Protein backbone atom coordinates (compact mmCIF):
# COMPACT_ATOMS: atom_id res chain seq x y z
CA MET A 1 12.79 -40.54 -29.30
CA ASP A 2 9.27 -41.94 -29.60
CA LYS A 3 8.41 -42.60 -33.27
CA LYS A 4 5.15 -40.68 -33.14
CA LEU A 5 6.94 -37.64 -31.59
CA GLU A 6 9.67 -37.90 -34.18
CA GLU A 7 7.03 -37.85 -37.05
CA LEU A 8 5.10 -34.97 -35.38
CA ILE A 9 8.16 -32.62 -35.17
CA HIS A 10 8.56 -32.67 -38.87
CA GLU A 11 5.70 -30.10 -38.79
CA PRO A 12 7.11 -26.56 -38.18
CA VAL A 13 4.99 -25.66 -35.08
CA PHE A 14 5.71 -28.84 -33.32
CA ARG A 15 9.47 -28.70 -34.28
CA CYS A 16 9.70 -25.18 -32.89
CA PHE A 17 7.94 -26.24 -29.71
CA TYR A 18 10.19 -29.22 -29.29
CA GLU A 19 13.34 -27.27 -29.80
CA ILE A 20 12.50 -24.56 -27.22
CA SER A 21 11.52 -27.36 -24.88
CA GLN A 22 15.14 -28.57 -24.84
CA ILE A 23 16.28 -25.25 -23.30
CA PRO A 24 15.61 -24.49 -19.61
CA ARG A 25 13.40 -21.42 -19.24
CA ALA A 26 12.10 -20.97 -15.76
CA SER A 27 10.99 -17.42 -14.90
CA PHE A 28 13.96 -15.20 -14.14
CA HIS A 29 16.21 -17.73 -15.90
CA GLU A 30 15.52 -16.97 -19.55
CA GLU A 31 18.94 -15.98 -20.56
CA ARG A 32 19.52 -19.16 -22.67
CA ILE A 33 16.05 -19.21 -24.43
CA SER A 34 16.43 -15.48 -25.02
CA GLU A 35 19.89 -15.95 -26.71
CA TYR A 36 18.36 -18.85 -28.61
CA LEU A 37 15.59 -16.82 -30.02
CA LEU A 38 17.87 -13.93 -30.93
CA GLN A 39 20.14 -16.29 -32.88
CA TRP A 40 17.14 -17.89 -34.50
CA ALA A 41 15.99 -14.59 -35.80
CA GLU A 42 19.47 -13.53 -37.01
CA ALA A 43 19.88 -16.85 -38.82
CA ARG A 44 16.85 -15.96 -40.85
CA GLY A 45 17.92 -12.46 -41.70
CA LEU A 46 15.24 -10.95 -39.39
CA SER A 47 15.71 -7.70 -37.52
CA ALA A 48 15.94 -8.53 -33.74
CA GLU A 49 16.71 -6.91 -30.54
CA ARG A 50 17.00 -7.82 -26.83
CA ASP A 51 16.36 -5.55 -23.86
CA GLY A 52 17.61 -5.62 -20.30
CA SER A 53 14.77 -7.91 -19.16
CA ASN A 54 15.77 -10.44 -21.91
CA ASN A 55 12.68 -9.67 -23.85
CA VAL A 56 13.18 -10.32 -27.55
CA LEU A 57 11.54 -8.19 -30.39
CA ILE A 58 11.73 -9.44 -33.90
CA ARG A 59 10.36 -7.88 -37.10
CA LYS A 60 9.60 -9.15 -40.46
CA PRO A 61 8.80 -7.01 -43.63
CA ALA A 62 5.34 -7.29 -45.19
CA SER A 63 4.78 -9.79 -47.97
CA PRO A 64 4.21 -8.48 -51.46
CA GLY A 65 0.86 -6.55 -51.66
CA TYR A 66 0.67 -5.90 -47.90
CA GLU A 67 3.14 -3.09 -47.68
CA ASP A 68 0.50 -0.49 -46.94
CA ALA A 69 -1.32 -2.55 -44.24
CA PRO A 70 -0.89 -1.61 -40.56
CA CYS A 71 1.83 -3.52 -38.67
CA VAL A 72 0.59 -6.40 -36.57
CA MET A 73 2.29 -7.78 -33.43
CA LEU A 74 2.24 -11.46 -32.25
CA GLN A 75 3.14 -11.78 -28.57
CA ALA A 76 3.92 -14.83 -26.30
CA HIS A 77 6.01 -15.33 -23.10
CA MET A 78 9.04 -17.52 -23.17
CA ASP A 79 9.15 -18.54 -19.52
CA MET A 80 7.17 -21.50 -18.02
CA VAL A 81 5.97 -22.78 -14.58
CA CYS A 82 8.27 -25.34 -13.29
CA GLU A 83 6.38 -28.00 -11.34
CA LYS A 84 7.09 -31.72 -10.95
CA ALA A 85 5.24 -34.62 -9.45
CA LEU A 86 6.21 -36.06 -6.08
CA GLY A 87 9.26 -38.26 -6.39
CA VAL A 88 10.23 -37.12 -9.82
CA GLU A 89 13.86 -36.23 -10.34
CA HIS A 90 14.10 -33.24 -12.72
CA ASP A 91 16.41 -30.20 -12.61
CA PHE A 92 14.50 -27.43 -14.39
CA GLY A 93 17.77 -25.44 -14.72
CA ARG A 94 19.47 -28.12 -16.69
CA ASP A 95 17.08 -30.94 -17.94
CA PRO A 96 15.02 -30.73 -21.29
CA ILE A 97 11.35 -31.32 -20.98
CA ASN A 98 10.36 -34.92 -21.63
CA MET A 99 7.60 -35.18 -24.25
CA GLU A 100 5.18 -38.11 -24.82
CA ILE A 101 2.38 -38.61 -27.31
CA GLU A 102 -0.85 -39.88 -25.76
CA GLY A 103 -3.42 -40.07 -28.44
CA ASP A 104 -4.23 -36.54 -29.64
CA TRP A 105 -2.16 -35.05 -26.74
CA ILE A 106 1.48 -34.08 -26.01
CA THR A 107 2.20 -34.71 -22.34
CA THR A 108 5.23 -35.36 -20.09
CA GLY A 109 3.75 -38.57 -18.91
CA GLY A 110 2.66 -36.72 -15.59
CA ARG A 111 6.28 -36.14 -14.57
CA THR A 112 6.54 -32.32 -15.00
CA THR A 113 4.82 -29.33 -16.51
CA LEU A 114 5.01 -29.39 -20.23
CA GLY A 115 5.64 -25.70 -20.81
CA ALA A 116 2.96 -25.40 -23.43
CA ASP A 117 1.97 -22.29 -21.38
CA ASP A 118 3.24 -20.46 -23.27
CA GLY A 119 5.75 -22.40 -25.26
CA ILE A 120 3.22 -23.31 -27.91
CA GLY A 121 2.43 -19.54 -28.26
CA VAL A 122 6.22 -18.88 -28.92
CA ALA A 123 6.26 -21.86 -31.38
CA LEU A 124 3.24 -20.63 -33.27
CA ALA A 125 4.84 -17.22 -33.69
CA MET A 126 8.11 -18.76 -34.77
CA ALA A 127 6.34 -20.96 -37.35
CA ALA A 128 4.56 -17.99 -38.81
CA PHE A 129 7.76 -16.08 -39.15
CA GLU A 130 9.38 -19.05 -40.91
CA ASP A 131 6.46 -19.55 -43.28
CA GLU A 132 7.54 -18.38 -46.69
CA GLY A 133 3.95 -19.08 -48.03
CA LEU A 134 2.18 -16.93 -45.55
CA ALA A 135 0.62 -13.63 -46.86
CA HIS A 136 0.90 -11.01 -44.12
CA PRO A 137 1.38 -7.36 -43.32
CA GLU A 138 4.45 -6.12 -41.64
CA LEU A 139 4.98 -8.30 -38.52
CA GLU A 140 6.55 -7.85 -35.10
CA VAL A 141 6.80 -10.58 -32.51
CA LEU A 142 7.51 -9.86 -28.82
CA PHE A 143 8.70 -12.77 -26.60
CA THR A 144 8.53 -11.63 -23.07
CA THR A 145 10.04 -12.94 -19.81
CA ALA A 146 8.92 -13.56 -16.15
CA GLU A 147 5.15 -13.63 -17.21
CA GLU A 148 4.58 -16.61 -14.85
CA ASP A 149 5.89 -14.66 -11.78
CA ASP A 150 5.56 -10.93 -11.74
CA MET A 151 5.24 -10.04 -15.46
CA SER A 152 8.23 -7.86 -15.17
CA GLY A 153 9.12 -8.59 -18.76
CA ALA A 154 6.01 -6.96 -20.09
CA GLU A 155 6.14 -4.26 -17.38
CA ASN A 156 9.70 -3.23 -18.34
CA PHE A 157 9.19 -3.39 -22.09
CA ASP A 158 9.56 -0.02 -23.81
CA ALA A 159 6.14 0.13 -25.65
CA ALA A 160 7.62 2.99 -27.73
CA LYS A 161 9.53 0.33 -29.72
CA MET A 162 6.12 -1.13 -30.93
CA LYS A 163 5.17 -0.14 -34.40
CA ALA A 164 2.06 -2.41 -34.36
CA VAL A 165 -1.40 -0.98 -33.84
CA LYS A 166 -2.90 -4.52 -33.57
CA LEU A 167 -1.78 -7.16 -31.12
CA ILE A 168 -2.42 -10.89 -31.17
CA ASN A 169 -1.52 -12.55 -27.94
CA LEU A 170 -0.90 -16.25 -28.17
CA ASP A 171 -1.36 -17.22 -24.45
CA HIS A 172 -4.86 -18.62 -24.40
CA THR A 173 -5.81 -22.18 -23.98
CA CYS A 174 -9.05 -22.80 -25.81
CA ASP A 175 -9.35 -22.84 -29.55
CA ARG A 176 -13.16 -22.02 -29.44
CA GLU A 177 -12.65 -18.61 -27.77
CA ILE A 178 -11.42 -15.15 -28.59
CA ILE A 179 -10.29 -13.33 -25.40
CA CYS A 180 -10.71 -9.65 -25.14
CA GLY A 181 -10.15 -8.83 -21.51
CA SER A 182 -8.40 -10.16 -18.36
CA CYS A 183 -8.22 -9.53 -14.63
CA GLY A 184 -5.57 -7.87 -12.59
CA GLY A 185 -3.79 -9.33 -9.61
CA MET A 186 -1.06 -9.18 -7.02
CA GLN A 187 0.91 -11.33 -4.63
CA VAL A 188 0.36 -11.07 -0.90
CA ASP A 189 2.71 -12.35 1.77
CA ILE A 190 1.32 -12.82 5.35
CA ARG A 191 3.88 -13.57 8.14
CA ILE A 192 2.64 -14.43 11.57
CA PRO A 193 5.22 -14.95 14.38
CA VAL A 194 5.12 -18.17 16.41
CA ILE A 195 6.99 -19.41 19.39
CA ALA A 196 8.71 -22.79 19.30
CA ASP A 197 10.38 -24.98 21.96
CA LYS A 198 11.44 -28.55 22.49
CA PRO A 199 8.73 -31.11 21.97
CA PRO A 200 7.40 -32.68 25.26
CA GLU A 201 9.37 -35.66 26.66
CA GLY A 202 8.18 -38.95 25.20
CA TRP A 203 6.33 -37.42 22.16
CA ALA A 204 7.23 -38.68 18.71
CA PRO A 205 7.19 -36.82 15.37
CA TYR A 206 4.79 -38.01 12.61
CA ARG A 207 4.42 -36.65 9.09
CA LEU A 208 0.84 -35.78 8.19
CA SER A 209 0.58 -35.47 4.39
CA VAL A 210 -2.17 -34.72 1.82
CA SER A 211 -1.60 -35.62 -1.80
CA GLY A 212 -3.30 -36.85 -4.94
CA LEU A 213 -5.08 -33.54 -5.92
CA LYS A 214 -5.25 -32.31 -9.48
CA GLY A 215 -3.99 -28.81 -8.93
CA GLY A 216 -4.07 -26.39 -11.84
CA HIS A 217 -4.02 -22.67 -12.63
CA SER A 218 -4.89 -20.46 -9.71
CA GLY A 219 -7.15 -18.29 -11.85
CA GLU A 220 -8.58 -20.27 -14.77
CA ASP A 221 -9.08 -23.32 -12.69
CA ILE A 222 -10.16 -21.74 -9.38
CA HIS A 223 -13.96 -22.45 -10.16
CA ARG A 224 -13.42 -26.12 -11.19
CA GLY A 225 -13.84 -27.63 -7.63
CA ARG A 226 -10.41 -29.38 -7.64
CA GLY A 227 -9.70 -28.67 -3.88
CA SER A 228 -6.58 -27.23 -2.38
CA ALA A 229 -4.08 -29.45 -0.50
CA ASN A 230 -3.44 -26.47 1.76
CA VAL A 231 -7.09 -26.18 2.76
CA LEU A 232 -7.32 -29.91 3.20
CA LEU A 233 -4.31 -29.99 5.39
CA ASN A 234 -5.86 -27.39 7.63
CA ARG A 235 -9.03 -29.51 7.87
CA MET A 236 -6.94 -32.71 8.77
CA LEU A 237 -5.25 -30.75 11.54
CA MET A 238 -8.52 -29.52 12.81
CA ALA A 239 -9.85 -33.05 12.88
CA VAL A 240 -6.81 -34.35 14.74
CA GLN A 241 -7.14 -31.39 17.24
CA GLU A 242 -10.57 -32.74 18.25
CA CYS A 243 -9.03 -36.00 19.72
CA CYS A 244 -5.47 -35.43 20.39
CA ASP A 245 -3.03 -33.06 22.13
CA PHE A 246 -0.17 -32.30 19.74
CA ARG A 247 2.43 -29.71 18.65
CA LEU A 248 3.36 -28.68 15.20
CA GLY A 249 6.78 -28.87 13.47
CA PRO A 250 7.48 -27.67 9.98
CA ILE A 251 4.59 -27.18 7.46
CA ARG A 252 5.16 -27.04 3.69
CA GLY A 253 2.05 -26.82 1.49
CA GLY A 254 2.01 -26.09 -2.25
CA THR A 255 4.91 -24.76 -4.35
CA PHE A 256 3.77 -21.83 -6.22
CA ARG A 257 1.17 -19.13 -5.65
CA LEU A 258 -0.05 -19.20 -9.11
CA ALA A 259 -0.86 -22.93 -8.85
CA ILE A 260 -3.49 -24.61 -6.77
CA ALA A 261 -1.72 -26.76 -4.15
CA ARG A 262 -1.57 -30.46 -5.06
CA ASP A 263 0.41 -31.64 -2.01
CA ALA A 264 0.94 -30.41 1.60
CA GLU A 265 2.50 -31.80 4.71
CA ALA A 266 3.01 -31.06 8.35
CA VAL A 267 5.19 -32.61 11.07
CA VAL A 268 3.00 -33.40 14.01
CA TRP A 269 4.33 -34.23 17.57
CA MET A 270 2.15 -36.25 19.74
CA PRO A 271 2.20 -39.04 22.26
CA PRO A 272 2.36 -42.43 20.59
CA SER A 273 -0.78 -43.47 22.58
CA CYS A 274 -2.75 -40.98 20.51
CA LEU A 275 -1.74 -42.40 17.15
CA GLU A 276 -4.63 -44.85 16.92
CA GLN A 277 -7.32 -42.15 17.51
CA ALA A 278 -5.57 -39.84 15.06
CA HIS A 279 -5.57 -42.45 12.38
CA ALA A 280 -9.26 -43.13 12.89
CA LYS A 281 -10.03 -39.52 12.50
CA LEU A 282 -7.87 -39.04 9.45
CA GLN A 283 -9.31 -42.13 7.74
CA LYS A 284 -12.85 -40.55 8.13
CA MET A 285 -11.63 -37.28 6.81
CA GLN A 286 -9.96 -38.92 3.80
CA GLU A 287 -13.27 -40.58 2.98
CA LEU A 288 -15.06 -37.32 3.28
CA ALA A 289 -12.55 -35.51 1.08
CA ARG A 290 -12.77 -38.24 -1.60
CA SER A 291 -16.59 -37.87 -1.48
CA GLU A 292 -16.41 -34.09 -1.78
CA LEU A 293 -13.89 -34.12 -4.61
CA ALA A 294 -15.33 -37.30 -6.36
CA ALA A 295 -15.53 -35.59 -9.67
CA THR A 296 -12.00 -33.97 -9.67
CA ALA A 297 -9.74 -35.67 -7.18
CA ASN A 298 -11.14 -38.95 -5.78
CA GLY A 299 -7.65 -40.20 -5.42
CA VAL A 300 -6.75 -37.79 -2.62
CA ALA A 301 -4.62 -39.54 -0.08
CA VAL A 302 -4.10 -38.60 3.60
CA ALA A 303 -1.32 -40.33 5.54
CA LEU A 304 0.17 -40.06 9.08
CA GLU A 305 3.50 -41.83 9.27
CA PRO A 306 6.59 -41.71 11.44
CA ALA A 307 8.83 -38.77 10.48
CA SER A 308 12.44 -39.50 10.35
CA HIS A 309 14.99 -36.70 10.80
CA ALA A 310 12.36 -34.22 12.02
CA PRO A 311 13.85 -31.02 13.60
CA GLU A 312 13.69 -31.04 17.40
CA TRP A 313 11.32 -28.09 17.87
CA ALA A 314 7.55 -27.74 18.01
CA VAL A 315 5.34 -24.67 17.98
CA VAL A 316 3.99 -24.12 21.52
CA SER A 317 0.49 -23.14 20.34
CA PRO A 318 -0.63 -25.23 17.40
CA ALA A 319 -4.10 -23.60 17.73
CA ARG A 320 -2.63 -20.30 16.64
CA VAL A 321 -1.39 -21.86 13.33
CA ILE A 322 -4.42 -23.82 12.67
CA ASP A 323 -6.79 -20.88 13.36
CA ALA A 324 -4.69 -18.61 11.10
CA MET A 325 -4.84 -21.19 8.27
CA ALA A 326 -8.58 -21.60 8.82
CA LEU A 327 -9.24 -17.85 8.75
CA CYS A 328 -7.07 -16.97 5.70
CA PRO A 329 -9.29 -16.42 2.64
CA ASP A 330 -8.99 -18.86 -0.22
CA GLY A 331 -11.00 -19.52 -3.39
CA ILE A 332 -13.76 -17.57 -5.08
CA TYR A 333 -14.87 -14.32 -3.51
CA GLN A 334 -17.20 -12.87 -6.11
CA MET A 335 -18.62 -14.18 -9.45
CA ASN A 336 -19.08 -11.66 -12.30
CA GLU A 337 -22.53 -10.12 -12.07
CA MET A 338 -22.96 -9.75 -15.81
CA LEU A 339 -21.13 -12.66 -17.39
CA VAL A 340 -22.57 -15.96 -16.16
CA GLY A 341 -19.88 -18.42 -15.11
CA LEU A 342 -16.97 -15.98 -14.99
CA VAL A 343 -15.16 -15.51 -11.73
CA ASP A 344 -14.69 -11.84 -10.86
CA THR A 345 -12.57 -12.00 -7.70
CA SER A 346 -10.62 -14.87 -6.07
CA ASP A 347 -7.51 -15.62 -4.14
CA ASN A 348 -5.27 -18.74 -3.96
CA VAL A 349 -3.29 -19.63 -0.89
CA GLY A 350 -0.62 -21.30 -3.08
CA GLU A 351 2.09 -21.70 -0.56
CA ILE A 352 2.24 -22.26 3.25
CA TYR A 353 5.33 -22.55 5.30
CA LEU A 354 5.92 -22.94 9.05
CA ASP A 355 9.27 -22.80 10.74
CA GLU A 356 10.30 -22.20 14.37
CA HIS A 357 9.89 -18.46 13.88
CA GLU A 358 6.83 -17.73 11.70
CA LEU A 359 3.86 -19.05 9.69
CA HIS A 360 4.12 -17.74 6.12
CA PHE A 361 1.21 -17.59 3.48
CA VAL A 362 2.02 -16.82 -0.10
CA ILE A 363 -1.17 -15.74 -1.87
CA GLU A 364 -2.36 -14.61 -5.33
CA ILE A 365 -5.39 -12.27 -5.53
CA ARG A 366 -7.10 -11.87 -8.90
CA ALA A 367 -9.81 -9.43 -9.55
CA ALA A 368 -11.44 -7.67 -12.52
CA ARG A 369 -12.23 -4.71 -10.24
CA GLU A 370 -9.48 -3.01 -8.29
CA SER A 371 -11.87 -2.19 -5.45
CA ARG A 372 -12.59 -5.82 -4.77
CA ARG A 373 -9.01 -6.73 -4.96
CA THR A 374 -8.25 -3.91 -2.34
CA TYR A 375 -11.03 -5.34 -0.11
CA LEU A 376 -9.56 -8.81 -0.18
CA PHE A 377 -6.19 -7.41 0.62
CA GLN A 378 -7.63 -5.46 3.52
CA ARG A 379 -9.15 -8.65 4.97
CA MET A 380 -5.71 -10.17 4.92
CA GLN A 381 -4.22 -7.30 6.54
CA ARG A 382 -6.79 -7.53 9.42
CA LEU A 383 -6.00 -11.20 9.79
CA ALA A 384 -2.27 -10.42 10.19
CA ASP A 385 -3.03 -7.68 12.59
CA ILE A 386 -5.13 -9.96 14.79
CA PHE A 387 -2.21 -12.49 15.00
CA GLY A 388 0.46 -9.78 15.46
CA GLY A 389 1.91 -10.37 12.04
CA THR A 390 2.64 -8.45 8.78
CA CYS A 391 0.92 -8.33 5.35
CA HIS A 392 2.63 -7.04 2.28
CA SER A 393 1.62 -6.92 -1.31
CA SER A 394 3.91 -7.10 -4.39
CA ASN A 395 4.01 -7.98 -8.06
CA ALA A 396 0.72 -6.16 -9.00
CA TYR A 397 -0.37 -6.19 -12.54
CA PRO A 398 -3.12 -4.35 -14.42
CA SER A 399 -6.44 -5.51 -15.88
CA TRP A 400 -7.01 -5.58 -19.58
CA HIS A 401 -10.42 -3.97 -20.02
CA PHE A 402 -12.87 -5.08 -22.52
CA GLN A 403 -13.41 -2.60 -25.38
CA PRO A 404 -16.85 -2.19 -26.72
CA LYS A 405 -15.39 -1.49 -30.24
CA SER A 406 -12.64 -3.61 -31.66
CA PRO A 407 -12.17 -4.00 -35.48
CA LEU A 408 -9.52 -6.67 -34.74
CA ARG A 409 -12.10 -8.76 -32.71
CA GLU A 410 -14.76 -8.36 -35.37
CA LEU A 411 -12.28 -9.66 -38.03
CA CYS A 412 -11.26 -12.49 -35.77
CA VAL A 413 -14.78 -13.57 -35.43
CA LYS A 414 -15.41 -13.30 -39.18
CA VAL A 415 -12.36 -15.31 -40.13
CA TYR A 416 -13.26 -17.98 -37.58
CA GLU A 417 -16.70 -18.43 -38.98
CA ASP A 418 -15.20 -18.60 -42.51
CA CYS A 419 -12.76 -21.22 -41.37
CA PHE A 420 -15.01 -23.40 -39.18
CA GLY A 421 -18.56 -22.71 -39.93
CA GLU A 422 -19.40 -21.49 -36.51
CA LYS A 423 -18.91 -18.43 -34.16
CA PRO A 424 -16.28 -18.37 -31.49
CA GLU A 425 -17.03 -17.34 -28.02
CA VAL A 426 -15.91 -13.79 -27.20
CA LEU A 427 -14.91 -13.64 -23.53
CA THR A 428 -12.84 -12.22 -20.75
CA VAL A 429 -10.85 -14.41 -18.45
CA HIS A 430 -10.06 -14.71 -14.83
CA ALA A 431 -6.33 -14.77 -15.40
CA GLY A 432 -3.75 -12.12 -15.89
CA LEU A 433 -2.47 -11.46 -19.44
CA GLU A 434 0.40 -9.24 -20.48
CA VAL A 435 -2.04 -7.32 -22.73
CA GLY A 436 -2.93 -5.37 -19.55
CA TYR A 437 0.51 -3.80 -19.53
CA PHE A 438 0.51 -3.05 -23.40
CA SER A 439 -2.94 -1.55 -23.35
CA ALA A 440 -2.04 0.62 -20.49
CA LYS A 441 1.09 1.93 -22.24
CA ARG A 442 -0.56 2.03 -25.61
CA PRO A 443 -4.25 2.87 -25.16
CA ASP A 444 -4.66 2.94 -29.04
CA ILE A 445 -3.72 -0.65 -29.48
CA ASP A 446 -6.39 -3.18 -30.64
CA ALA A 447 -5.77 -6.61 -29.10
CA VAL A 448 -7.10 -10.15 -28.77
CA SER A 449 -5.72 -13.28 -27.22
CA LEU A 450 -5.99 -16.84 -28.96
CA GLY A 451 -4.43 -20.27 -28.59
CA PRO A 452 -4.89 -23.98 -28.89
CA GLU A 453 -6.34 -26.43 -26.37
CA CYS A 454 -4.17 -26.94 -23.36
CA LYS A 455 -5.36 -28.52 -20.16
CA ASN A 456 -4.05 -28.90 -16.59
CA PHE A 457 -1.47 -26.15 -17.14
CA HIS A 458 0.70 -25.25 -14.08
CA SER A 459 0.68 -28.88 -13.07
CA PRO A 460 2.51 -32.16 -14.15
CA SER A 461 -0.63 -33.24 -15.83
CA GLU A 462 -0.38 -30.37 -18.40
CA ALA A 463 -1.23 -31.48 -21.95
CA LEU A 464 -1.40 -29.87 -25.33
CA GLN A 465 -3.85 -31.01 -27.95
CA ILE A 466 -2.22 -31.74 -31.47
CA SER A 467 -5.29 -31.42 -33.64
CA SER A 468 -6.16 -28.10 -31.90
CA THR A 469 -2.62 -26.78 -32.46
CA ARG A 470 -2.91 -27.55 -36.17
CA LYS A 471 -6.34 -25.91 -36.21
CA MET A 472 -5.10 -22.73 -34.56
CA TYR A 473 -2.02 -22.42 -36.71
CA GLY A 474 -4.28 -22.68 -39.79
CA TYR A 475 -6.55 -20.00 -38.34
CA LEU A 476 -3.64 -17.81 -37.50
CA ARG A 477 -2.46 -17.93 -41.13
CA ARG A 478 -5.97 -17.06 -42.38
CA LEU A 479 -6.19 -14.23 -39.92
CA LEU A 480 -2.83 -12.66 -40.90
CA ALA A 481 -3.68 -12.82 -44.50
CA ALA A 482 -7.09 -11.16 -43.82
CA LEU A 483 -5.21 -8.24 -41.97
CA GLY A 484 -3.74 -6.92 -45.22
């Protein structure tokens, strides 16, 4: 183990984060981390229970003098997004997460996602429950599952088990902000039928790839101009279409609907005589993409290389595929009309697949207003209808609406000012938070969301700031003491 990391994990928060990072915890595969948290609680004499979704609810009695204070819940999700860089060998069902210290940041060296989203939220709550010097009211902590996919852990949790009337969600990624609202969203799958046949005689397969983009969270990073590899792949195919006759083999773009696509590729069948023209077109497009994305992804790379072991089929009408890709909405649809700089409605075409039977888009729509979410979905339905395909929605989750009056929010602001001498920003976010489910089930609950600085989450560049984590744990301790 790196010496700096070894020293760091002597601190309770980082020790807890390191320990849970040794346990695989992909969405829908949380059995081991759930069991670990249950045993962790029982070893400390804490009341703990697990439900059928592997959510874990733990309780701790109030410290002396706080017995009459209202119960407070801490909440974080135990699962993580599992993304790895191209060429990296990592089994998320077996391998621990590699951690490295880079200055003031914990990273994986760019190999895989770190899992600070929301492993650091879990670790903050664990450290608070272990902290014998912490003054606090009666505490509950709820560790949920499947947040990074369909939020079914939060959806299935029986809110009648909650004694708390105040909830502190620990799934935010900026230590200067207090979050008091979030958008809703849903998954959309568009499937468009295609006809494939054997490639023309004498044509050869080539692999057209787009890589080197930064990626990121499909909601919180959608406005940062990082570019989508799926959109760029479509533009590259359109450029080649201008100079060459070709057919399309398999397409695979992106890996997860909740992450902006970093890489995409397509098998292109064409006459070898067209290769030089195609290379020239793609070289110009690569320069254009690097210019457009100079601030966020100037290392974008476009390659056209011989494809070994390509399947012996090609879609008869590549224009059908390219047109559908071009017409599928992607990116920001509407900015918030009252809060400057906040995205109101967007969608992310996170995954694209083409086989010999169909073109498949996997999309995440996010919206603060259900009416705008519905309209975007209707546009996608029309697209599917035009091409004789299907369009289905799933995994919908509710918004968490901003409350004009919130004593917890007011206390959070006051304690923050007392701790740091400045006011935090009070915001809503263009991302889904599990608080939407809890507030829908328990309209009386008063909630906020907090967390330390984490950047590039949902990508192998994910990094957690060490000093910010220390700052937020100190703040959480002061906040819990003030809730008495």
